[in-house]
Amino acid sequence: ELAGHGIGSVAIMSNDIAAYPADAPEEMRRWA
């Protein structure tokens, strides 16, 4: 909805993936 108001959005994942493999790029891609 915010895109319709001219607001861009971006999500950033910064966690340590060695300690939290559920946050690894492959899992990020799957979830997205």
ModelCIF file with pLDDT and N, C-alpha, C, O atoms, coordinates in Angstrom:
data_MODEL
#
_entry.id   MODEL 
#
_entity.id                         1 
_entity.type                       polymer 
_entity.pdbx_number_of_molecules   1 
#
_entity_poly.entity_id                      1 
_entity_poly.type                           'polypeptide(L)' 
_entity_poly.nstd_linkage                   no 
_entity_poly.nstd_monomer                   no 
_entity_poly.pdbx_seq_one_letter_code       ELAGHGIGSVAIMSNDIAAYPADAPEEMRRWA 
_entity_poly.pdbx_seq_one_letter_code_can   ELAGHGIGSVAIMSNDIAAYPADAPEEMRRWA 
_entity_poly.pdbx_strand_id                 A 
#
loop_
_entity_poly_seq.entity_id 
_entity_poly_seq.num 
_entity_poly_seq.mon_id 
_entity_poly_seq.hetero 
1 1  GLU n 
1 2  LEU n 
1 3  ALA n 
1 4  GLY n 
1 5  HIS n 
1 6  GLY n 
1 7  ILE n 
1 8  GLY n 
1 9  SER n 
1 10 VAL n 
1 11 ALA n 
1 12 ILE n 
1 13 MET n 
1 14 SER n 
1 15 ASN n 
1 16 ASP n 
1 17 ILE n 
1 18 ALA n 
1 19 ALA n 
1 20 TYR n 
1 21 PRO n 
1 22 ALA n 
1 23 ASP n 
1 24 ALA n 
1 25 PRO n 
1 26 GLU n 
1 27 GLU n 
1 28 MET n 
1 29 ARG n 
1 30 ARG n 
1 31 TRP n 
1 32 ALA n 
#
_struct_asym.id          A 
_struct_asym.entity_id   1 
#
loop_
_ma_qa_metric.id 
_ma_qa_metric.mode 
_ma_qa_metric.name 
_ma_qa_metric.software_group_id 
_ma_qa_metric.type 
1 global pLDDT . pLDDT 
2 local  pLDDT . pLDDT 
#
_ma_qa_metric_global.metric_id      1 
_ma_qa_metric_global.metric_value   97.62 
_ma_qa_metric_global.model_id       1 
_ma_qa_metric_global.ordinal_id     1 
#
loop_
_ma_qa_metric_local.label_asym_id 
_ma_qa_metric_local.label_comp_id 
_ma_qa_metric_local.label_seq_id 
_ma_qa_metric_local.metric_id 
_ma_qa_metric_local.metric_value 
_ma_qa_metric_local.model_id 
_ma_qa_metric_local.ordinal_id 
A GLU 1  2 98.00 1 1  
A LEU 2  2 98.00 1 2  
A ALA 3  2 98.00 1 3  
A GLY 4  2 98.00 1 4  
A HIS 5  2 98.00 1 5  
A GLY 6  2 98.00 1 6  
A ILE 7  2 98.00 1 7  
A GLY 8  2 98.00 1 8  
A SER 9  2 98.00 1 9  
A VAL 10 2 98.00 1 10 
A ALA 11 2 98.00 1 11 
A ILE 12 2 98.00 1 12 
A MET 13 2 98.00 1 13 
A SER 14 2 98.00 1 14 
A ASN 15 2 98.00 1 15 
A ASP 16 2 97.00 1 16 
A ILE 17 2 97.00 1 17 
A ALA 18 2 97.00 1 18 
A ALA 19 2 96.00 1 19 
A TYR 20 2 96.00 1 20 
A PRO 21 2 97.00 1 21 
A ALA 22 2 97.00 1 22 
A ASP 23 2 97.00 1 23 
A ALA 24 2 97.00 1 24 
A PRO 25 2 98.00 1 25 
A GLU 26 2 97.00 1 26 
A GLU 27 2 98.00 1 27 
A MET 28 2 98.00 1 28 
A ARG 29 2 98.00 1 29 
A ARG 30 2 98.00 1 30 
A TRP 31 2 98.00 1 31 
A ALA 32 2 98.00 1 32 
#
loop_
_atom_site.group_PDB 
_atom_site.id 
_atom_site.type_symbol 
_atom_site.label_atom_id 
_atom_site.label_alt_id 
_atom_site.label_comp_id 
_atom_site.label_asym_id 
_atom_site.label_entity_id 
_atom_site.label_seq_id 
_atom_site.pdbx_PDB_ins_code 
_atom_site.Cartn_x 
_atom_site.Cartn_y 
_atom_site.Cartn_z 
_atom_site.occupancy 
_atom_site.B_iso_or_equiv 
_atom_site.pdbx_formal_charge 
_atom_site.auth_seq_id 
_atom_site.auth_comp_id 
_atom_site.auth_asym_id 
_atom_site.auth_atom_id 
_atom_site.pdbx_PDB_model_num 
ATOM 1   N N  . GLU A 1 1  ? 0.823  -1.212  0.000  1.00 98.00 ? 1  GLU A N  1 
ATOM 2   C CA . GLU A 1 1  ? 0.000  0.000   0.000  1.00 98.00 ? 1  GLU A CA 1 
ATOM 3   C C  . GLU A 1 1  ? 0.858  1.265   0.000  1.00 98.00 ? 1  GLU A C  1 
ATOM 4   O O  . GLU A 1 1  ? 0.504  2.254   -0.641 1.00 98.00 ? 1  GLU A O  1 
ATOM 5   N N  . LEU A 1 2  ? 1.971  1.237   0.707  1.00 98.00 ? 2  LEU A N  1 
ATOM 6   C CA . LEU A 1 2  ? 2.841  2.420   0.751  1.00 98.00 ? 2  LEU A CA 1 
ATOM 7   C C  . LEU A 1 2  ? 3.440  2.731   -0.613 1.00 98.00 ? 2  LEU A C  1 
ATOM 8   O O  . LEU A 1 2  ? 3.700  3.894   -0.922 1.00 98.00 ? 2  LEU A O  1 
ATOM 9   N N  . ALA A 1 3  ? 3.661  1.719   -1.423 1.00 98.00 ? 3  ALA A N  1 
ATOM 10  C CA . ALA A 1 3  ? 4.179  1.958   -2.774 1.00 98.00 ? 3  ALA A CA 1 
ATOM 11  C C  . ALA A 1 3  ? 3.236  2.876   -3.546 1.00 98.00 ? 3  ALA A C  1 
ATOM 12  O O  . ALA A 1 3  ? 3.690  3.698   -4.342 1.00 98.00 ? 3  ALA A O  1 
ATOM 13  N N  . GLY A 1 4  ? 1.950  2.747   -3.323 1.00 98.00 ? 4  GLY A N  1 
ATOM 14  C CA . GLY A 1 4  ? 0.967  3.615   -3.965 1.00 98.00 ? 4  GLY A CA 1 
ATOM 15  C C  . GLY A 1 4  ? 1.027  5.058   -3.483 1.00 98.00 ? 4  GLY A C  1 
ATOM 16  O O  . GLY A 1 4  ? 0.462  5.954   -4.110 1.00 98.00 ? 4  GLY A O  1 
ATOM 17  N N  . HIS A 1 5  ? 1.711  5.276   -2.373 1.00 98.00 ? 5  HIS A N  1 
ATOM 18  C CA . HIS A 1 5  ? 1.907  6.634   -1.830 1.00 98.00 ? 5  HIS A CA 1 
ATOM 19  C C  . HIS A 1 5  ? 3.301  7.168   -2.155 1.00 98.00 ? 5  HIS A C  1 
ATOM 20  O O  . HIS A 1 5  ? 3.702  8.218   -1.652 1.00 98.00 ? 5  HIS A O  1 
ATOM 21  N N  . GLY A 1 6  ? 4.033  6.447   -2.993 1.00 98.00 ? 6  GLY A N  1 
ATOM 22  C CA . GLY A 1 6  ? 5.369  6.898   -3.380 1.00 98.00 ? 6  GLY A CA 1 
ATOM 23  C C  . GLY A 1 6  ? 6.451  6.573   -2.376 1.00 98.00 ? 6  GLY A C  1 
ATOM 24  O O  . GLY A 1 6  ? 7.514  7.194   -2.391 1.00 98.00 ? 6  GLY A O  1 
ATOM 25  N N  . ILE A 1 7  ? 6.202  5.606   -1.499 1.00 98.00 ? 7  ILE A N  1 
ATOM 26  C CA . ILE A 1 7  ? 7.195  5.189   -0.510 1.00 98.00 ? 7  ILE A CA 1 
ATOM 27  C C  . ILE A 1 7  ? 7.817  3.871   -0.975 1.00 98.00 ? 7  ILE A C  1 
ATOM 28  O O  . ILE A 1 7  ? 7.113  2.875   -1.142 1.00 98.00 ? 7  ILE A O  1 
ATOM 29  N N  . GLY A 1 8  ? 9.133  3.865   -1.183 1.00 98.00 ? 8  GLY A N  1 
ATOM 30  C CA . GLY A 1 8  ? 9.846  2.642   -1.476 1.00 98.00 ? 8  GLY A CA 1 
ATOM 31  C C  . GLY A 1 8  ? 10.110 1.891   -0.189 1.00 98.00 ? 8  GLY A C  1 
ATOM 32  O O  . GLY A 1 8  ? 10.122 2.488   0.888  1.00 98.00 ? 8  GLY A O  1 
ATOM 33  N N  . SER A 1 9  ? 10.322 0.595   -0.287 1.00 98.00 ? 9  SER A N  1 
ATOM 34  C CA . SER A 1 9  ? 10.613 -0.231  0.888  1.00 98.00 ? 9  SER A CA 1 
ATOM 35  C C  . SER A 1 9  ? 11.747 -1.190  0.553  1.00 98.00 ? 9  SER A C  1 
ATOM 36  O O  . SER A 1 9  ? 11.872 -1.658  -0.579 1.00 98.00 ? 9  SER A O  1 
ATOM 37  N N  . VAL A 1 10 ? 12.562 -1.470  1.549  1.00 98.00 ? 10 VAL A N  1 
ATOM 38  C CA . VAL A 1 10 ? 13.655 -2.442  1.396  1.00 98.00 ? 10 VAL A CA 1 
ATOM 39  C C  . VAL A 1 10 ? 13.874 -3.120  2.742  1.00 98.00 ? 10 VAL A C  1 
ATOM 40  O O  . VAL A 1 10 ? 13.851 -2.467  3.786  1.00 98.00 ? 10 VAL A O  1 
ATOM 41  N N  . ALA A 1 11 ? 14.089 -4.444  2.711  1.00 98.00 ? 11 ALA A N  1 
ATOM 42  C CA . ALA A 1 11 ? 14.381 -5.209  3.920  1.00 98.00 ? 11 ALA A CA 1 
ATOM 43  C C  . ALA A 1 11 ? 15.823 -5.684  3.865  1.00 98.00 ? 11 ALA A C  1 
ATOM 44  O O  . ALA A 1 11 ? 16.307 -6.120  2.820  1.00 98.00 ? 11 ALA A O  1 
ATOM 45  N N  . ILE A 1 12 ? 16.509 -5.594  5.009  1.00 98.00 ? 12 ILE A N  1 
ATOM 46  C CA . ILE A 1 12 ? 17.913 -5.982  5.113  1.00 98.00 ? 12 ILE A CA 1 
ATOM 47  C C  . ILE A 1 12 ? 18.051 -7.005  6.238  1.00 98.00 ? 12 ILE A C  1 
ATOM 48  O O  . ILE A 1 12 ? 17.507 -6.828  7.328  1.00 98.00 ? 12 ILE A O  1 
ATOM 49  N N  . MET A 1 13 ? 18.783 -8.071  5.954  1.00 98.00 ? 13 MET A N  1 
ATOM 50  C CA . MET A 1 13 ? 19.047 -9.105  6.947  1.00 98.00 ? 13 MET A CA 1 
ATOM 51  C C  . MET A 1 13 ? 20.539 -9.063  7.262  1.00 98.00 ? 13 MET A C  1 
ATOM 52  O O  . MET A 1 13 ? 21.376 -9.236  6.376  1.00 98.00 ? 13 MET A O  1 
ATOM 53  N N  . SER A 1 14 ? 20.863 -8.832  8.531  1.00 98.00 ? 14 SER A N  1 
ATOM 54  C CA . SER A 1 14 ? 22.254 -8.635  8.942  1.00 98.00 ? 14 SER A CA 1 
ATOM 55  C C  . SER A 1 14 ? 22.757 -9.660  9.954  1.00 98.00 ? 14 SER A C  1 
ATOM 56  O O  . SER A 1 14 ? 23.884 -9.535  10.431 1.00 98.00 ? 14 SER A O  1 
ATOM 57  N N  . ASN A 1 15 ? 21.969 -10.654 10.290 1.00 98.00 ? 15 ASN A N  1 
ATOM 58  C CA . ASN A 1 15 ? 22.381 -11.623 11.315 1.00 98.00 ? 15 ASN A CA 1 
ATOM 59  C C  . ASN A 1 15 ? 23.568 -12.481 10.883 1.00 98.00 ? 15 ASN A C  1 
ATOM 60  O O  . ASN A 1 15 ? 23.839 -12.656 9.694  1.00 98.00 ? 15 ASN A O  1 
ATOM 61  N N  . ASP A 1 16 ? 24.261 -13.005 11.882 1.00 97.00 ? 16 ASP A N  1 
ATOM 62  C CA . ASP A 1 16 ? 25.355 -13.955 11.687 1.00 97.00 ? 16 ASP A CA 1 
ATOM 63  C C  . ASP A 1 16 ? 24.745 -15.286 11.248 1.00 97.00 ? 16 ASP A C  1 
ATOM 64  O O  . ASP A 1 16 ? 24.109 -15.968 12.051 1.00 97.00 ? 16 ASP A O  1 
ATOM 65  N N  . ILE A 1 17 ? 24.933 -15.657 9.990  1.00 97.00 ? 17 ILE A N  1 
ATOM 66  C CA . ILE A 1 17 ? 24.297 -16.871 9.472  1.00 97.00 ? 17 ILE A CA 1 
ATOM 67  C C  . ILE A 1 17 ? 25.007 -18.137 9.917  1.00 97.00 ? 17 ILE A C  1 
ATOM 68  O O  . ILE A 1 17 ? 24.432 -19.223 9.836  1.00 97.00 ? 17 ILE A O  1 
ATOM 69  N N  . ALA A 1 18 ? 26.247 -18.022 10.388 1.00 97.00 ? 18 ALA A N  1 
ATOM 70  C CA . ALA A 1 18 ? 26.921 -19.211 10.921 1.00 97.00 ? 18 ALA A CA 1 
ATOM 71  C C  . ALA A 1 18 ? 26.210 -19.665 12.197 1.00 97.00 ? 18 ALA A C  1 
ATOM 72  O O  . ALA A 1 18 ? 26.044 -20.863 12.427 1.00 97.00 ? 18 ALA A O  1 
ATOM 73  N N  . ALA A 1 19 ? 25.798 -18.720 13.009 1.00 96.00 ? 19 ALA A N  1 
ATOM 74  C CA . ALA A 1 19 ? 25.086 -19.031 14.248 1.00 96.00 ? 19 ALA A CA 1 
ATOM 75  C C  . ALA A 1 19 ? 23.590 -19.240 14.016 1.00 96.00 ? 19 ALA A C  1 
ATOM 76  O O  . ALA A 1 19 ? 22.933 -19.933 14.794 1.00 96.00 ? 19 ALA A O  1 
ATOM 77  N N  . TYR A 1 20 ? 23.048 -18.645 12.952 1.00 96.00 ? 20 TYR A N  1 
ATOM 78  C CA . TYR A 1 20 ? 21.611 -18.716 12.652 1.00 96.00 ? 20 TYR A CA 1 
ATOM 79  C C  . TYR A 1 20 ? 21.410 -19.093 11.187 1.00 96.00 ? 20 TYR A C  1 
ATOM 80  O O  . TYR A 1 20 ? 21.073 -18.234 10.372 1.00 96.00 ? 20 TYR A O  1 
ATOM 81  N N  . PRO A 1 21 ? 21.613 -20.376 10.840 1.00 97.00 ? 21 PRO A N  1 
ATOM 82  C CA . PRO A 1 21 ? 21.509 -20.797 9.445  1.00 97.00 ? 21 PRO A CA 1 
ATOM 83  C C  . PRO A 1 21 ? 20.115 -20.608 8.842  1.00 97.00 ? 21 PRO A C  1 
ATOM 84  O O  . PRO A 1 21 ? 19.983 -20.585 7.619  1.00 97.00 ? 21 PRO A O  1 
ATOM 85  N N  . ALA A 1 22 ? 19.087 -20.475 9.658  1.00 97.00 ? 22 ALA A N  1 
ATOM 86  C CA . ALA A 1 22 ? 17.739 -20.218 9.131  1.00 97.00 ? 22 ALA A CA 1 
ATOM 87  C C  . ALA A 1 22 ? 17.662 -18.855 8.440  1.00 97.00 ? 22 ALA A C  1 
ATOM 88  O O  . ALA A 1 22 ? 16.713 -18.575 7.707  1.00 97.00 ? 22 ALA A O  1 
ATOM 89  N N  . ASP A 1 23 ? 18.663 -18.015 8.679  1.00 97.00 ? 23 ASP A N  1 
ATOM 90  C CA . ASP A 1 23 ? 18.701 -16.682 8.068  1.00 97.00 ? 23 ASP A CA 1 
ATOM 91  C C  . ASP A 1 23 ? 19.643 -16.616 6.868  1.00 97.00 ? 23 ASP A C  1 
ATOM 92  O O  . ASP A 1 23 ? 19.874 -15.530 6.337  1.00 97.00 ? 23 ASP A O  1 
ATOM 93  N N  . ALA A 1 24 ? 20.188 -17.738 6.432  1.00 97.00 ? 24 ALA A N  1 
ATOM 94  C CA . ALA A 1 24 ? 21.123 -17.774 5.303  1.00 97.00 ? 24 ALA A CA 1 
ATOM 95  C C  . ALA A 1 24 ? 20.437 -17.317 4.014  1.00 97.00 ? 24 ALA A C  1 
ATOM 96  O O  . ALA A 1 24 ? 19.217 -17.426 3.888  1.00 97.00 ? 24 ALA A O  1 
ATOM 97  N N  . PRO A 1 25 ? 21.212 -16.809 3.063  1.00 98.00 ? 25 PRO A N  1 
ATOM 98  C CA . PRO A 1 25 ? 20.632 -16.282 1.818  1.00 98.00 ? 25 PRO A CA 1 
ATOM 99  C C  . PRO A 1 25 ? 19.682 -17.244 1.096  1.00 98.00 ? 25 PRO A C  1 
ATOM 100 O O  . PRO A 1 25 ? 18.678 -16.802 0.537  1.00 98.00 ? 25 PRO A O  1 
ATOM 101 N N  . GLU A 1 26 ? 19.977 -18.544 1.097  1.00 97.00 ? 26 GLU A N  1 
ATOM 102 C CA . GLU A 1 26 ? 19.072 -19.487 0.433  1.00 97.00 ? 26 GLU A CA 1 
ATOM 103 C C  . GLU A 1 26 ? 17.712 -19.503 1.122  1.00 97.00 ? 26 GLU A C  1 
ATOM 104 O O  . GLU A 1 26 ? 16.674 -19.575 0.465  1.00 97.00 ? 26 GLU A O  1 
ATOM 105 N N  . GLU A 1 27 ? 17.729 -19.436 2.459  1.00 98.00 ? 27 GLU A N  1 
ATOM 106 C CA . GLU A 1 27 ? 16.480 -19.412 3.221  1.00 98.00 ? 27 GLU A CA 1 
ATOM 107 C C  . GLU A 1 27 ? 15.763 -18.072 3.053  1.00 98.00 ? 27 GLU A C  1 
ATOM 108 O O  . GLU A 1 27 ? 14.534 -18.017 2.999  1.00 98.00 ? 27 GLU A O  1 
ATOM 109 N N  . MET A 1 28 ? 16.544 -16.996 2.970  1.00 98.00 ? 28 MET A N  1 
ATOM 110 C CA . MET A 1 28 ? 15.947 -15.682 2.707  1.00 98.00 ? 28 MET A CA 1 
ATOM 111 C C  . MET A 1 28 ? 15.209 -15.708 1.368  1.00 98.00 ? 28 MET A C  1 
ATOM 112 O O  . MET A 1 28 ? 14.074 -15.241 1.270  1.00 98.00 ? 28 MET A O  1 
ATOM 113 N N  . ARG A 1 29 ? 15.853 -16.249 0.350  1.00 98.00 ? 29 ARG A N  1 
ATOM 114 C CA . ARG A 1 29 ? 15.251 -16.327 -0.987 1.00 98.00 ? 29 ARG A CA 1 
ATOM 115 C C  . ARG A 1 29 ? 13.969 -17.163 -0.967 1.00 98.00 ? 29 ARG A C  1 
ATOM 116 O O  . ARG A 1 29 ? 12.954 -16.782 -1.551 1.00 98.00 ? 29 ARG A O  1 
ATOM 117 N N  . ARG A 1 30 ? 14.035 -18.307 -0.286 1.00 98.00 ? 30 ARG A N  1 
ATOM 118 C CA . ARG A 1 30 ? 12.866 -19.180 -0.198 1.00 98.00 ? 30 ARG A CA 1 
ATOM 119 C C  . ARG A 1 30 ? 11.690 -18.453 0.444  1.00 98.00 ? 30 ARG A C  1 
ATOM 120 O O  . ARG A 1 30 ? 10.567 -18.506 -0.057 1.00 98.00 ? 30 ARG A O  1 
ATOM 121 N N  . TRP A 1 31 ? 11.958 -17.772 1.559  1.00 98.00 ? 31 TRP A N  1 
ATOM 122 C CA . TRP A 1 31 ? 10.897 -17.069 2.293  1.00 98.00 ? 31 TRP A CA 1 
ATOM 123 C C  . TRP A 1 31 ? 10.337 -15.907 1.470  1.00 98.00 ? 31 TRP A C  1 
ATOM 124 O O  . TRP A 1 31 ? 9.123  -15.717 1.405  1.00 98.00 ? 31 TRP A O  1 
ATOM 125 N N  . ALA A 1 32 ? 11.217 -15.141 0.848  1.00 98.00 ? 32 ALA A N  1 
ATOM 126 C CA . ALA A 1 32 ? 10.780 -14.009 0.020  1.00 98.00 ? 32 ALA A CA 1 
ATOM 127 C C  . ALA A 1 32 ? 9.911  -14.492 -1.133 1.00 98.00 ? 32 ALA A C  1 
ATOM 128 O O  . ALA A 1 32 ? 9.449  -13.684 -1.938 1.00 98.00 ? 32 ALA A O  1 
#
